[in-house]
C-alpha atoms as a PDB file:
ATOM      1  CA  MET A   1     -22.437  23.639 -16.179  1.00  0.00           C
ATOM      2  CA  HIS A   2     -22.928  20.351 -18.004  1.00  0.00           C
ATOM      3  CA  HIS A   3     -19.896  18.150 -17.376  1.00  0.00           C
ATOM      4  CA  PRO A   4     -20.496  14.774 -19.081  1.00  0.00           C
ATOM      5  CA  LEU A   5     -18.506  11.691 -18.258  1.00  0.00           C
ATOM      6  CA  PRO A   6     -16.245  10.619 -21.100  1.00  0.00           C
ATOM      7  CA  PRO A   7     -17.393   7.414 -22.826  1.00  0.00           C
ATOM      8  CA  GLU A   8     -14.768   5.190 -21.217  1.00  0.00           C
ATOM      9  CA  VAL A   9     -15.992   5.908 -17.670  1.00  0.00           C
ATOM     10  CA  ARG A  10     -19.747   5.971 -18.235  1.00  0.00           C
ATOM     11  CA  PRO A  11     -20.142   2.365 -16.984  1.00  0.00           C
ATOM     12  CA  ILE A  12     -19.473   3.540 -13.400  1.00  0.00           C
ATOM     13  CA  ALA A  13     -22.021   6.372 -13.460  1.00  0.00           C
ATOM     14  CA  GLY A  14     -24.488   4.529 -11.230  1.00  0.00           C
ATOM     15  CA  LEU A  15     -21.970   3.549  -8.554  1.00  0.00           C
ATOM     16  CA  ASN A  16     -21.659   5.289  -5.203  1.00  0.00           C
ATOM     17  CA  PHE A  17     -18.262   6.750  -6.017  1.00  0.00           C
ATOM     18  CA  PRO A  18     -18.272  10.574  -5.884  1.00  0.00           C
ATOM     19  CA  LEU A  19     -15.992  12.397  -8.310  1.00  0.00           C
ATOM     20  CA  TYR A  20     -15.075  16.047  -8.722  1.00  0.00           C
ATOM     21  CA  PRO A  21     -15.059  17.906 -12.051  1.00  0.00           C
ATOM     22  CA  CYS A  22     -11.842  19.513 -13.277  1.00  0.00           C
ATOM     23  CA  SER A  23     -11.577  22.615 -15.429  1.00  0.00           C
ATOM     24  CA  ASN A  24      -9.946  20.587 -18.208  1.00  0.00           C
ATOM     25  CA  GLY A  25     -12.979  18.291 -18.543  1.00  0.00           C
ATOM     26  CA  SER A  26     -11.543  15.368 -16.581  1.00  0.00           C
ATOM     27  CA  TRP A  27     -12.762  13.994 -13.262  1.00  0.00           C
ATOM     28  CA  SER A  28     -10.849  13.866 -10.000  1.00  0.00           C
ATOM     29  CA  ILE A  29     -10.853  11.562  -6.993  1.00  0.00           C
ATOM     30  CA  LYS A  30     -10.378  14.583  -4.689  1.00  0.00           C
ATOM     31  CA  PRO A  31     -11.472  18.222  -5.139  1.00  0.00           C
ATOM     32  CA  THR A  32      -7.937  19.532  -4.585  1.00  0.00           C
ATOM     33  CA  VAL A  33      -4.447  18.716  -5.820  1.00  0.00           C
ATOM     34  CA  GLY A  34      -1.063  19.109  -4.204  1.00  0.00           C
ATOM     35  CA  ALA A  35       2.151  20.884  -5.070  1.00  0.00           C
ATOM     36  CA  SER A  36       3.449  18.502  -7.708  1.00  0.00           C
ATOM     37  CA  SER A  37       3.189  18.134 -11.461  1.00  0.00           C
ATOM     38  CA  VAL A  38       3.082  14.324 -11.387  1.00  0.00           C
ATOM     39  CA  ARG A  39       0.678  11.539 -10.529  1.00  0.00           C
ATOM     40  CA  VAL A  40       2.085   9.054  -8.019  1.00  0.00           C
ATOM     41  CA  MET A  41       1.194   5.474  -7.118  1.00  0.00           C
ATOM     42  CA  ILE A  42       2.638   3.600  -4.135  1.00  0.00           C
ATOM     43  CA  CYS A  43       2.843  -0.104  -4.978  1.00  0.00           C
ATOM     44  CA  SER A  44       3.770  -2.057  -1.866  1.00  0.00           C
ATOM     45  CA  ILE A  45       3.723  -5.553  -0.493  1.00  0.00           C
ATOM     46  CA  PRO A  46       1.319  -5.918   2.456  1.00  0.00           C
ATOM     47  CA  LYS A  47       2.493  -4.386   5.733  1.00  0.00           C
ATOM     48  CA  ALA A  48       5.548  -2.731   4.205  1.00  0.00           C
ATOM     49  CA  GLY A  49       4.662   0.770   5.322  1.00  0.00           C
ATOM     50  CA  THR A  50       2.109   1.610   2.648  1.00  0.00           C
ATOM     51  CA  HIS A  51       0.308   4.159   4.799  1.00  0.00           C
ATOM     52  CA  LEU A  52       3.533   5.415   6.354  1.00  0.00           C
ATOM     53  CA  TYR A  53       4.857   6.374   2.931  1.00  0.00           C
ATOM     54  CA  ALA A  54       1.411   7.764   2.073  1.00  0.00           C
ATOM     55  CA  ARG A  55       1.685  10.026   5.102  1.00  0.00           C
ATOM     56  CA  LEU A  56       5.122  11.083   3.898  1.00  0.00           C
ATOM     57  CA  LEU A  57       3.770  12.051   0.474  1.00  0.00           C
ATOM     58  CA  ALA A  58       1.002  14.050   2.130  1.00  0.00           C
ATOM     59  CA  LEU A  59       3.544  15.858   4.321  1.00  0.00           C
ATOM     60  CA  LEU A  60       5.504  16.638   1.167  1.00  0.00           C
ATOM     61  CA  GLY A  61       2.457  18.400  -0.224  1.00  0.00           C
ATOM     62  CA  LEU A  62       0.734  15.833  -2.438  1.00  0.00           C
ATOM     63  CA  GLU A  63      -2.994  15.181  -2.088  1.00  0.00           C
ATOM     64  CA  LYS A  64      -3.768  11.700  -0.725  1.00  0.00           C
ATOM     65  CA  SER A  65      -6.549   9.927  -2.595  1.00  0.00           C
ATOM     66  CA  ASP A  66      -7.614   7.762   0.396  1.00  0.00           C
ATOM     67  CA  VAL A  67      -8.395   5.112  -2.196  1.00  0.00           C
ATOM     68  CA  PHE A  68      -6.710   1.711  -2.161  1.00  0.00           C
ATOM     69  CA  PHE A  69      -6.313   0.483  -5.737  1.00  0.00           C
ATOM     70  CA  ASN A  70      -6.506  -3.135  -6.887  1.00  0.00           C
ATOM     71  CA  ARG A  71      -6.683  -4.642 -10.360  1.00  0.00           C
ATOM     72  CA  ASP A  72     -10.433  -5.236 -10.455  1.00  0.00           C
ATOM     73  CA  TYR A  73     -11.751  -3.170  -7.542  1.00  0.00           C
ATOM     74  CA  LEU A  74     -10.848  -0.422  -5.125  1.00  0.00           C
ATOM     75  CA  GLY A  75     -11.294   0.364  -1.463  1.00  0.00           C
ATOM     76  CA  ASP A  76     -12.808   3.818  -1.055  1.00  0.00           C
ATOM     77  CA  PHE A  77     -11.797   5.200   2.361  1.00  0.00           C
ATOM     78  CA  ARG A  78     -12.274   8.887   1.534  1.00  0.00           C
ATOM     79  CA  PHE A  79     -15.234   9.222   3.872  1.00  0.00           C
ATOM     80  CA  VAL A  80     -14.235   6.757   6.606  1.00  0.00           C
ATOM     81  CA  ASP A  81     -12.668   7.722   9.930  1.00  0.00           C
ATOM     82  CA  VAL A  82      -9.129   6.339  10.333  1.00  0.00           C
ATOM     83  CA  GLU A  83     -10.028   4.594  13.594  1.00  0.00           C
ATOM     84  CA  ARG A  84     -12.867   2.718  11.860  1.00  0.00           C
ATOM     85  CA  ALA A  85     -11.155   2.046   8.546  1.00  0.00           C
ATOM     86  CA  ARG A  86      -9.745  -1.348   9.486  1.00  0.00           C
ATOM     87  CA  PHE A  87     -13.217  -2.606  10.414  1.00  0.00           C
ATOM     88  CA  THR A  88     -15.040  -1.476   7.274  1.00  0.00           C
ATOM     89  CA  HIS A  89     -13.148  -3.160   4.429  1.00  0.00           C
ATOM     90  CA  SER A  90     -16.030  -5.026   2.811  1.00  0.00           C
ATOM     91  CA  GLY A  91     -18.368  -2.049   3.031  1.00  0.00           C
ATOM     92  CA  ASN A  92     -15.946   0.153   1.122  1.00  0.00           C
ATOM     93  CA  ILE A  93     -15.128  -2.112  -1.819  1.00  0.00           C
ATOM     94  CA  ILE A  94     -16.336  -0.874  -5.210  1.00  0.00           C
ATOM     95  CA  TRP A  95     -15.853  -2.888  -8.370  1.00  0.00           C
ATOM     96  CA  ILE A  96     -14.066  -0.412 -10.589  1.00  0.00           C
ATOM     97  CA  PRO A  97     -11.052  -1.800 -12.480  1.00  0.00           C
ATOM     98  CA  ILE A  98      -7.703  -0.036 -12.456  1.00  0.00           C
ATOM     99  CA  GLU A  99      -8.101   0.818 -16.149  1.00  0.00           C
ATOM    100  CA  ILE A 100     -10.853   3.233 -15.104  1.00  0.00           C
ATOM    101  CA  SER A 101     -10.002   4.143 -11.506  1.00  0.00           C
ATOM    102  CA  SER A 102      -6.461   5.269 -12.367  1.00  0.00           C
ATOM    103  CA  LEU A 103      -7.928   7.956 -14.636  1.00  0.00           C
ATOM    104  CA  PHE A 104      -9.242   9.863 -11.627  1.00  0.00           C
ATOM    105  CA  VAL A 105      -5.854  10.456  -9.988  1.00  0.00           C
ATOM    106  CA  GLN A 106      -4.760  13.907 -11.101  1.00  0.00           C
ATOM    107  CA  PRO A 107      -1.272  15.488 -11.135  1.00  0.00           C
ATOM    108  CA  GLY A 108      -0.490  16.460  -7.553  1.00  0.00           C
ATOM    109  CA  GLN A 109      -2.439  13.478  -6.166  1.00  0.00           C
ATOM    110  CA  PHE A 110      -1.419   9.924  -5.279  1.00  0.00           C
ATOM    111  CA  GLY A 111      -2.931   6.516  -4.692  1.00  0.00           C
ATOM    112  CA  TYR A 112      -1.679   3.273  -3.233  1.00  0.00           C
ATOM    113  CA  GLY A 113      -2.234  -0.455  -3.478  1.00  0.00           C
ATOM    114  CA  HIS A 114      -0.715  -3.913  -3.757  1.00  0.00           C
ATOM    115  CA  LEU A 115      -0.671  -3.727  -7.539  1.00  0.00           C
ATOM    116  CA  PRO A 116       1.210  -6.452  -9.427  1.00  0.00           C
ATOM    117  CA  CYS A 117       3.855  -5.578 -11.970  1.00  0.00           C
ATOM    118  CA  ASP A 118       2.489  -6.902 -15.247  1.00  0.00           C
ATOM    119  CA  ILE A 119       1.940  -5.472 -18.694  1.00  0.00           C
ATOM    120  CA  ALA A 120      -1.689  -4.433 -18.082  1.00  0.00           C
ATOM    121  CA  ILE A 121      -0.954  -2.638 -14.808  1.00  0.00           C
ATOM    122  CA  ARG A 122       2.162  -0.948 -16.190  1.00  0.00           C
ATOM    123  CA  ARG A 123       0.090   0.293 -19.115  1.00  0.00           C
ATOM    124  CA  CYS A 124      -2.501   1.801 -16.757  1.00  0.00           C
ATOM    125  CA  LEU A 125       0.241   3.490 -14.718  1.00  0.00           C
ATOM    126  CA  ALA A 126       2.426   4.486 -17.660  1.00  0.00           C
ATOM    127  CA  ASP A 127       2.426   8.189 -16.769  1.00  0.00           C
ATOM    128  CA  PHE A 128       2.537   7.684 -12.982  1.00  0.00           C
ATOM    129  CA  LYS A 129       5.596   7.988 -10.819  1.00  0.00           C
ATOM    130  CA  ILE A 130       5.693   4.591  -9.114  1.00  0.00           C
ATOM    131  CA  ILE A 131       7.160   3.974  -5.659  1.00  0.00           C
ATOM    132  CA  PHE A 132       7.651   0.308  -4.811  1.00  0.00           C
ATOM    133  CA  VAL A 133       7.944  -0.507  -1.099  1.00  0.00           C
ATOM    134  CA  ALA A 134       9.166  -3.806   0.377  1.00  0.00           C
ATOM    135  CA  ARG A 135       9.941  -5.125   3.854  1.00  0.00           C
ATOM    136  CA  GLU A 136      11.822  -8.045   5.343  1.00  0.00           C
ATOM    137  CA  MET A 137       9.328 -10.816   4.668  1.00  0.00           C
ATOM    138  CA  ARG A 138       9.214 -12.500   8.069  1.00  0.00           C
ATOM    139  CA  ALA A 139       8.414  -9.209   9.766  1.00  0.00           C
ATOM    140  CA  ALA A 140       5.906  -8.339   7.035  1.00  0.00           C
ATOM    141  CA  ILE A 141       4.063 -11.647   7.244  1.00  0.00           C
ATOM    142  CA  VAL A 142       3.839 -11.611  11.051  1.00  0.00           C
ATOM    143  CA  SER A 143       2.615  -8.025  10.919  1.00  0.00           C
ATOM    144  CA  GLN A 144      -0.038  -9.064   8.398  1.00  0.00           C
ATOM    145  CA  MET A 145      -1.143 -11.886  10.715  1.00  0.00           C
ATOM    146  CA  ARG A 146      -1.479  -9.384  13.546  1.00  0.00           C
ATOM    147  CA  TYR A 147      -3.463  -7.078  11.280  1.00  0.00           C
ATOM    148  CA  VAL A 148      -5.885  -9.896  10.427  1.00  0.00           C
ATOM    149  CA  GLY A 149      -6.520 -10.262  14.150  1.00  0.00           C
ATOM    150  CA  ASP A 150      -7.068  -6.536  14.648  1.00  0.00           C
ATOM    151  CA  SER A 151      -9.402  -5.883  11.709  1.00  0.00           C
ATOM    152  CA  ASP A 152     -12.248  -7.344   9.680  1.00  0.00           C
ATOM    153  CA  TRP A 153     -10.020  -8.080   6.685  1.00  0.00           C
ATOM    154  CA  CYS A 154     -10.525 -11.371   4.843  1.00  0.00           C
ATOM    155  CA  PRO A 155      -8.955 -12.628   1.635  1.00  0.00           C
ATOM    156  CA  PRO A 156     -11.298 -12.840  -1.380  1.00  0.00           C
ATOM    157  CA  GLY A 157     -13.810 -15.633  -1.026  1.00  0.00           C
ATOM    158  CA  ARG A 158     -13.588 -15.777   2.776  1.00  0.00           C
ATOM    159  CA  THR A 159     -16.164 -14.334   5.154  1.00  0.00           C
ATOM    160  CA  GLU A 160     -14.930 -15.711   8.477  1.00  0.00           C
ATOM    161  CA  ILE A 161     -11.620 -16.283  10.254  1.00  0.00           C
ATOM    162  CA  LYS A 162     -12.307 -18.278  13.415  1.00  0.00           C
ATOM    163  CA  TRP A 163      -8.885 -17.751  15.003  1.00  0.00           C
ATOM    164  CA  ARG A 164      -8.871 -13.984  14.487  1.00  0.00           C
ATOM    165  CA  ASN A 165      -9.124 -13.133  18.195  1.00  0.00           C
ATOM    166  CA  GLU A 166      -6.728 -15.771  19.517  1.00  0.00           C
ATOM    167  CA  PRO A 167      -3.505 -14.578  21.196  1.00  0.00           C
ATOM    168  CA  ASN A 168      -0.629 -13.818  18.847  1.00  0.00           C
ATOM    169  CA  GLY A 169       1.982 -16.539  18.832  1.00  0.00           C
ATOM    170  CA  GLN A 170       3.209 -19.632  17.039  1.00  0.00           C
ATOM    171  CA  ASP A 171      -0.117 -21.489  17.095  1.00  0.00           C
ATOM    172  CA  LYS A 172      -1.919 -18.558  15.531  1.00  0.00           C
ATOM    173  CA  MET A 173       0.905 -18.156  13.026  1.00  0.00           C
ATOM    174  CA  LEU A 174       0.547 -21.787  11.936  1.00  0.00           C
ATOM    175  CA  ARG A 175      -3.177 -21.301  11.351  1.00  0.00           C
ATOM    176  CA  TYR A 176      -2.358 -18.160   9.395  1.00  0.00           C
ATOM    177  CA  PHE A 177       0.029 -20.145   7.201  1.00  0.00           C
ATOM    178  CA  ASP A 178      -2.654 -22.797   6.697  1.00  0.00           C
ATOM    179  CA  GLU A 179      -5.366 -20.380   5.596  1.00  0.00           C
ATOM    180  CA  ILE A 180      -4.028 -16.939   4.661  1.00  0.00           C
ATOM    181  CA  ALA A 181      -0.311 -16.967   3.849  1.00  0.00           C
ATOM    182  CA  PRO A 182      -0.600 -18.738   0.452  1.00  0.00           C
ATOM    183  CA  PHE A 183      -2.878 -15.948  -0.784  1.00  0.00           C
ATOM    184  CA  ILE A 184      -0.565 -13.215   0.546  1.00  0.00           C
ATOM    185  CA  PHE A 185       2.545 -14.745  -0.998  1.00  0.00           C
ATOM    186  CA  ASN A 186       1.060 -15.862  -4.325  1.00  0.00           C
ATOM    187  CA  ASN A 187      -1.342 -12.974  -4.955  1.00  0.00           C
ATOM    188  CA  ARG A 188       0.139 -10.009  -3.097  1.00  0.00           C
ATOM    189  CA  CYS A 189       3.925 -10.510  -2.975  1.00  0.00           C
ATOM    190  CA  HIS A 190       5.354 -12.612  -5.806  1.00  0.00           C
ATOM    191  CA  PRO A 191       3.407 -10.716  -8.515  1.00  0.00           C
ATOM    192  CA  MET A 192       4.832  -7.442  -7.163  1.00  0.00           C
ATOM    193  CA  ALA A 193       8.472  -8.522  -7.127  1.00  0.00           C
ATOM    194  CA  PRO A 194       9.140  -7.510 -10.769  1.00  0.00           C
ATOM    195  CA  TRP A 195       8.738  -3.840  -9.770  1.00  0.00           C
ATOM    196  CA  THR A 196      12.291  -4.173  -8.450  1.00  0.00           C
ATOM    197  CA  ASP A 197      13.520  -4.620 -12.040  1.00  0.00           C
ATOM    198  CA  GLN A 198      11.881  -1.482 -13.467  1.00  0.00           C
ATOM    199  CA  VAL A 199      14.478   1.257 -13.962  1.00  0.00           C
ATOM    200  CA  ASP A 200      11.969   4.110 -13.661  1.00  0.00           C
ATOM    201  CA  VAL A 201      10.521   2.891 -10.330  1.00  0.00           C
ATOM    202  CA  LEU A 202      11.742   4.225  -6.978  1.00  0.00           C
ATOM    203  CA  GLY A 203      12.420   1.224  -4.743  1.00  0.00           C
ATOM    204  CA  LEU A 204      12.236   1.780  -0.980  1.00  0.00           C
ATOM    205  CA  THR A 205      11.873  -0.281   2.181  1.00  0.00           C
ATOM    206  CA  TYR A 206       9.982  -0.008   5.433  1.00  0.00           C
ATOM    207  CA  GLU A 207      13.255  -0.334   7.297  1.00  0.00           C
ATOM    208  CA  GLU A 208      14.711   2.763   5.627  1.00  0.00           C
ATOM    209  CA  ILE A 209      11.966   5.123   6.690  1.00  0.00           C
ATOM    210  CA  ILE A 210      11.195   3.646  10.124  1.00  0.00           C
ATOM    211  CA  GLY A 211      14.774   4.264  11.287  1.00  0.00           C
ATOM    212  CA  ASP A 212      16.419   0.824  11.374  1.00  0.00           C
ATOM    213  CA  GLN A 213      19.330   2.201   9.349  1.00  0.00           C
ATOM    214  CA  GLY A 214      19.632   5.445  11.277  1.00  0.00           C
ATOM    215  CA  ARG A 215      18.289   8.978  11.111  1.00  0.00           C
ATOM    216  CA  GLU A 216      20.504  10.024   8.206  1.00  0.00           C
ATOM    217  CA  VAL A 217      19.039   7.260   6.034  1.00  0.00           C
ATOM    218  CA  GLN A 218      15.552   8.416   7.030  1.00  0.00           C
ATOM    219  CA  LEU A 219      16.354  11.976   5.992  1.00  0.00           C
ATOM    220  CA  ALA A 220      17.989  10.814   2.764  1.00  0.00           C
ATOM    221  CA  THR A 221      14.881   8.752   1.995  1.00  0.00           C
ATOM    222  CA  ILE A 222      12.652  11.784   2.480  1.00  0.00           C
ATOM    223  CA  ARG A 223      14.835  13.832   0.126  1.00  0.00           C
ATOM    224  CA  LYS A 224      14.817  11.018  -2.422  1.00  0.00           C
ATOM    225  CA  VAL A 225      11.026  10.766  -2.361  1.00  0.00           C
ATOM    226  CA  ALA A 226      10.619  14.539  -2.628  1.00  0.00           C
ATOM    227  CA  GLU A 227      12.874  14.720  -5.686  1.00  0.00           C
ATOM    228  CA  PHE A 228      11.195  11.729  -7.333  1.00  0.00           C
ATOM    229  CA  CYS A 229       7.736  13.252  -6.821  1.00  0.00           C
ATOM    230  CA  ASP A 230       8.731  16.703  -8.055  1.00  0.00           C
ATOM    231  CA  THR A 231       8.173  18.488  -4.747  1.00  0.00           C
ATOM    232  CA  GLN A 232      10.279  21.046  -2.931  1.00  0.00           C
ATOM    233  CA  ILE A 233      11.651  20.391   0.554  1.00  0.00           C
ATOM    234  CA  SER A 234      13.960  22.540   2.670  1.00  0.00           C
ATOM    235  CA  GLN A 235      13.774  20.927   6.122  1.00  0.00           C
ATOM    236  CA  PRO A 236      13.375  17.144   5.984  1.00  0.00           C
ATOM    237  CA  GLU A 237      13.964  17.039   9.746  1.00  0.00           C
ATOM    238  CA  LEU A 238      10.584  18.691  10.313  1.00  0.00           C
ATOM    239  CA  ILE A 239       8.916  16.189   7.997  1.00  0.00           C
ATOM    240  CA  LEU A 240      10.491  13.273   9.845  1.00  0.00           C
ATOM    241  CA  ASP A 241       9.372  14.575  13.229  1.00  0.00           C
ATOM    242  CA  GLN A 242       5.764  14.610  11.994  1.00  0.00           C
ATOM    243  CA  LEU A 243       5.966  11.229  10.300  1.00  0.00           C
ATOM    244  CA  ILE A 244       6.910   8.421  12.665  1.00  0.00           C
ATOM    245  CA  GLY A 245       4.537   6.932  15.244  1.00  0.00           C
ATOM    246  CA  LYS A 246       1.324   8.522  13.985  1.00  0.00           C
ATOM    247  CA  GLN A 247      -1.970   6.702  13.555  1.00  0.00           C
ATOM    248  CA  THR A 248      -2.706   5.406  10.066  1.00  0.00           C
ATOM    249  CA  PHE A 249      -5.248   2.936   8.662  1.00  0.00           C
ATOM    250  CA  THR A 250      -3.089  -0.082   9.538  1.00  0.00           C
ATOM    251  CA  PHE A 251      -0.754   1.145  12.307  1.00  0.00           C
ATOM    252  CA  SER A 252      -0.801  -1.382  15.153  1.00  0.00           C
ATOM    253  CA  GLY A 253       0.798   0.859  17.778  1.00  0.00           C
ATOM    254  CA  CYS A 254       4.142  -0.943  17.986  1.00  0.00           C
ATOM    255  CA  ARG A 255       6.787  -2.672  15.867  1.00  0.00           C
ATOM    256  CA  THR A 256       6.320  -6.310  14.972  1.00  0.00           C
ATOM    257  CA  SER A 257       8.625  -8.808  16.693  1.00  0.00           C
ATOM    258  CA  TRP A 258       8.418 -11.772  14.371  1.00  0.00           C
ATOM    259  CA  GLU A 259      10.735 -14.042  16.402  1.00  0.00           C
ATOM    260  CA  SER A 260       8.111 -14.760  19.089  1.00  0.00           C
ATOM    261  CA  CYS A 261       5.721 -16.041  16.400  1.00  0.00           C
ATOM    262  CA  TRP A 262       8.290 -18.228  14.628  1.00  0.00           C
ATOM    263  CA  ASN A 263       9.539 -21.806  14.868  1.00  0.00           C
ATOM    264  CA  PRO A 264      11.186 -24.347  12.528  1.00  0.00           C
ATOM    265  CA  GLU A 265       7.842 -25.581  11.158  1.00  0.00           C
ATOM    266  CA  ILE A 266       6.795 -22.031  10.292  1.00  0.00           C
ATOM    267  CA  GLU A 267      10.198 -21.371   8.743  1.00  0.00           C
ATOM    268  CA  GLU A 268       9.777 -24.441   6.538  1.00  0.00           C
ATOM    269  CA  ARG A 269       6.419 -23.162   5.300  1.00  0.00           C
ATOM    270  CA  PHE A 270       7.877 -19.698   4.805  1.00  0.00           C
ATOM    271  CA  VAL A 271      10.674 -21.054   2.614  1.00  0.00           C
ATOM    272  CA  LYS A 272       8.262 -23.302   0.675  1.00  0.00           C
ATOM    273  CA  LEU A 273       6.098 -20.299  -0.193  1.00  0.00           C
ATOM    274  CA  GLY A 274       9.140 -18.438  -1.493  1.00  0.00           C
ATOM    275  CA  GLY A 275       9.757 -16.091   1.419  1.00  0.00           C
ATOM    276  CA  SER A 276      13.541 -16.441   1.285  1.00  0.00           C
ATOM    277  CA  LYS A 277      13.580 -15.817  -2.463  1.00  0.00           C
ATOM    278  CA  LEU A 278      11.498 -12.670  -2.004  1.00  0.00           C
ATOM    279  CA  ASN A 279      13.834 -11.455   0.737  1.00  0.00           C
ATOM    280  CA  GLU A 280      16.796 -11.929  -1.565  1.00  0.00           C
ATOM    281  CA  ARG A 281      15.070 -10.083  -4.386  1.00  0.00           C
ATOM    282  CA  PHE A 282      14.151  -7.212  -2.082  1.00  0.00           C
ATOM    283  CA  GLY A 283      17.732  -6.889  -0.863  1.00  0.00           C
ATOM    284  CA  PHE A 284      17.430  -8.538   2.559  1.00  0.00           C
ATOM    285  CA  GLY A 285      19.497 -11.640   1.882  1.00  0.00           C
ATOM    286  CA  THR A 286      18.271 -15.238   2.175  1.00  0.00           C
ATOM    287  CA  ARG A 287      18.318 -15.647   5.948  1.00  0.00           C
END
């Protein structure tokens, strides 16, 4: 059956980005949908449990897109093995803007990304249920440094990080602050902070779901997410048992201990880049 692309998405017809036709004439990022009537987008700061919450949504019955959404491009990991995903970033980038890519997420499916909270993005996600995820910023930034060392990730415009394979510690952290941290703070964290002010956004933290506040908070978080995403759940305990400690795209195998990578000079740079202000805005205090 002839299934033409609508005019607004014809510009991507020649790209290597497979889509699946829907009975209503639209196109889908996955051939199946989950048990929900809503479209969901996880908007998270880097290393705040993006893929952990994605796993939770999948366990709740939504269909994971396996696409990482950005404003001007996306990372298509639908056909990449999880173990290899962290080493194939550049090869999976496709230049499709969010105005187009968001159209392919159907009800019952979800995507994720470090999407800023501005008028253009909010317009693209107007009919999405948005989950915003934050983390204590020192832990998040050290975890991101560790991830740089364990992957092939580079910020835009960079093709090489010479210290990538050096041992984790304060020296490596200082080099990270010299070369990477300004991009993470200014392009991936501060622009996302306004999500905390949106009344229709579900705000969550890494600490809630990982268990820092106890098992009851974990279970309450699962129930909260299920209700927000219009899914049914009877035994959140079973969901929790399947959730924590599993391999995801960015799971490093253990919790980040930021203290061993920190010193007064790093703290000064952290404060200068607005880390304490972000912590306060995310509900972690100014320490």
